[in-house]
C-alpha atoms as a PDB file:
ATOM      1  CA  UNK A   1      -0.114   0.400  -0.010  1.00  0.00           C
ATOM      2  CA  UNK A   2       1.314   3.377  -0.857  1.00  0.00           C
ATOM      3  CA  UNK A   3       1.668   6.180   1.878  1.00  0.00           C
ATOM      4  CA  UNK A   4      -0.855   8.981   1.489  1.00  0.00           C
ATOM      5  CA  UNK A   5       2.483  11.136   2.019  1.00  0.00           C
ATOM      6  CA  UNK A   6       4.556   9.402  -0.719  1.00  0.00           C
ATOM      7  CA  UNK A   7       1.708   9.299  -3.387  1.00  0.00           C
ATOM      8  CA  UNK A   8       2.368  12.523  -4.923  1.00  0.00           C
ATOM      9  CA  UNK A   9       5.688  11.665  -5.677  1.00  0.00           C
ATOM     10  CA  UNK A  10       5.022   8.511  -7.258  1.00  0.00           C
ATOM     11  CA  UNK A  11       2.156   9.895  -9.335  1.00  0.00           C
ATOM     12  CA  UNK A  12       4.318  12.784 -10.573  1.00  0.00           C
ATOM     13  CA  UNK A  13       6.865  10.309 -11.762  1.00  0.00           C
ATOM     14  CA  UNK A  14       4.523   7.756 -13.428  1.00  0.00           C
ATOM     15  CA  UNK A  15       2.418  10.548 -15.217  1.00  0.00           C
ATOM     16  CA  UNK A  16       3.807  10.661 -18.096  1.00  0.00           C
ATOM     17  CA  UNK A  17       3.737   7.011 -18.950  1.00  0.00           C
ATOM     18  CA  UNK A  18       0.709   6.420 -17.258  1.00  0.00           C
ATOM     19  CA  UNK A  19      -0.887   9.496 -19.445  1.00  0.00           C
ATOM     20  CA  UNK A  20       0.368   7.813 -22.887  1.00  0.00           C
ATOM     21  CA  UNK A  21      -0.910   3.952 -21.962  1.00  0.00           C
ATOM     22  CA  UNK A  22      -4.159   5.677 -21.382  1.00  0.00           C
ATOM     23  CA  UNK A  23      -4.543   7.130 -24.737  1.00  0.00           C
ATOM     24  CA  UNK A  24      -2.907   4.611 -26.537  1.00  0.00           C
ATOM     25  CA  UNK A  25      -5.895   2.367 -25.160  1.00  0.00           C
ATOM     26  CA  UNK A  26      -8.514   4.716 -25.620  1.00  0.00           C
ATOM     27  CA  UNK A  27      -7.349   4.941 -29.526  1.00  0.00           C
ATOM     28  CA  UNK A  28      -7.125   1.456 -29.793  1.00  0.00           C
ATOM     29  CA  UNK A  29     -10.816   0.971 -28.048  1.00  0.00           C
ATOM     30  CA  UNK A  30     -11.475   3.836 -30.723  1.00  0.00           C
ATOM     31  CA  UNK A  31      -9.883   1.150 -33.525  1.00  0.00           C
ATOM     32  CA  UNK A  32     -11.767  -1.722 -32.462  1.00  0.00           C
ATOM     33  CA  UNK A  33     -15.402   0.421 -32.711  1.00  0.00           C
ATOM     34  CA  UNK A  34     -14.961   1.186 -36.027  1.00  0.00           C
ATOM     35  CA  UNK A  35     -14.989  -2.809 -36.594  1.00  0.00           C
ATOM     36  CA  UNK A  36     -19.021  -3.560 -37.473  1.00  0.00           C
ATOM     37  CA  UNK A  37     -18.033  -7.331 -36.697  1.00  0.00           C
ATOM     38  CA  UNK A  38     -16.593  -6.297 -33.024  1.00  0.00           C
ATOM     39  CA  UNK A  39     -19.428  -3.786 -31.778  1.00  0.00           C
ATOM     40  CA  UNK A  40     -22.036  -6.539 -33.105  1.00  0.00           C
ATOM     41  CA  UNK A  41     -20.225  -9.199 -30.802  1.00  0.00           C
ATOM     42  CA  UNK A  42     -20.167  -6.623 -28.097  1.00  0.00           C
ATOM     43  CA  UNK A  43     -23.731  -5.887 -28.468  1.00  0.00           C
ATOM     44  CA  UNK A  44     -24.690  -9.522 -28.498  1.00  0.00           C
ATOM     45  CA  UNK A  45     -22.386 -10.699 -25.603  1.00  0.00           C
ATOM     46  CA  UNK A  46     -21.458  -7.968 -23.728  1.00  0.00           C
ATOM     47  CA  UNK A  47     -23.534  -4.660 -23.806  1.00  0.00           C
ATOM     48  CA  UNK A  48     -22.594  -2.702 -20.622  1.00  0.00           C
ATOM     49  CA  UNK A  49     -18.968  -3.378 -21.606  1.00  0.00           C
ATOM     50  CA  UNK A  50     -19.766  -1.712 -25.070  1.00  0.00           C
ATOM     51  CA  UNK A  51     -22.039   0.998 -23.258  1.00  0.00           C
ATOM     52  CA  UNK A  52     -18.260   1.957 -21.107  1.00  0.00           C
ATOM     53  CA  UNK A  53     -16.207   1.758 -24.156  1.00  0.00           C
ATOM     54  CA  UNK A  54     -18.388   3.945 -26.284  1.00  0.00           C
ATOM     55  CA  UNK A  55     -18.689   6.782 -23.101  1.00  0.00           C
ATOM     56  CA  UNK A  56     -14.752   6.196 -22.938  1.00  0.00           C
ATOM     57  CA  UNK A  57     -13.998   6.921 -26.618  1.00  0.00           C
ATOM     58  CA  UNK A  58     -16.932   9.396 -27.183  1.00  0.00           C
ATOM     59  CA  UNK A  59     -15.735  11.560 -24.052  1.00  0.00           C
ATOM     60  CA  UNK A  60     -12.448  11.503 -25.424  1.00  0.00           C
ATOM     61  CA  UNK A  61     -13.654  12.271 -28.951  1.00  0.00           C
ATOM     62  CA  UNK A  62     -15.298  15.179 -27.030  1.00  0.00           C
ATOM     63  CA  UNK A  63     -12.169  16.737 -25.194  1.00  0.00           C
ATOM     64  CA  UNK A  64     -10.251  16.989 -28.506  1.00  0.00           C
END
């Protein structure tokens, strides 16, 4: 467990890497959601997950 005092230093050290990981993940999700077969499969088997993926990609698109 990270102590409360040490957390800001750790967060500052990993911010760039974490941000890059998130940007890449959102880009990958966006690419997946442009594939009709993937969206159809998610809609049939994982509706809640599809909704969350769409929400993530839409919020990122609105931020840009």
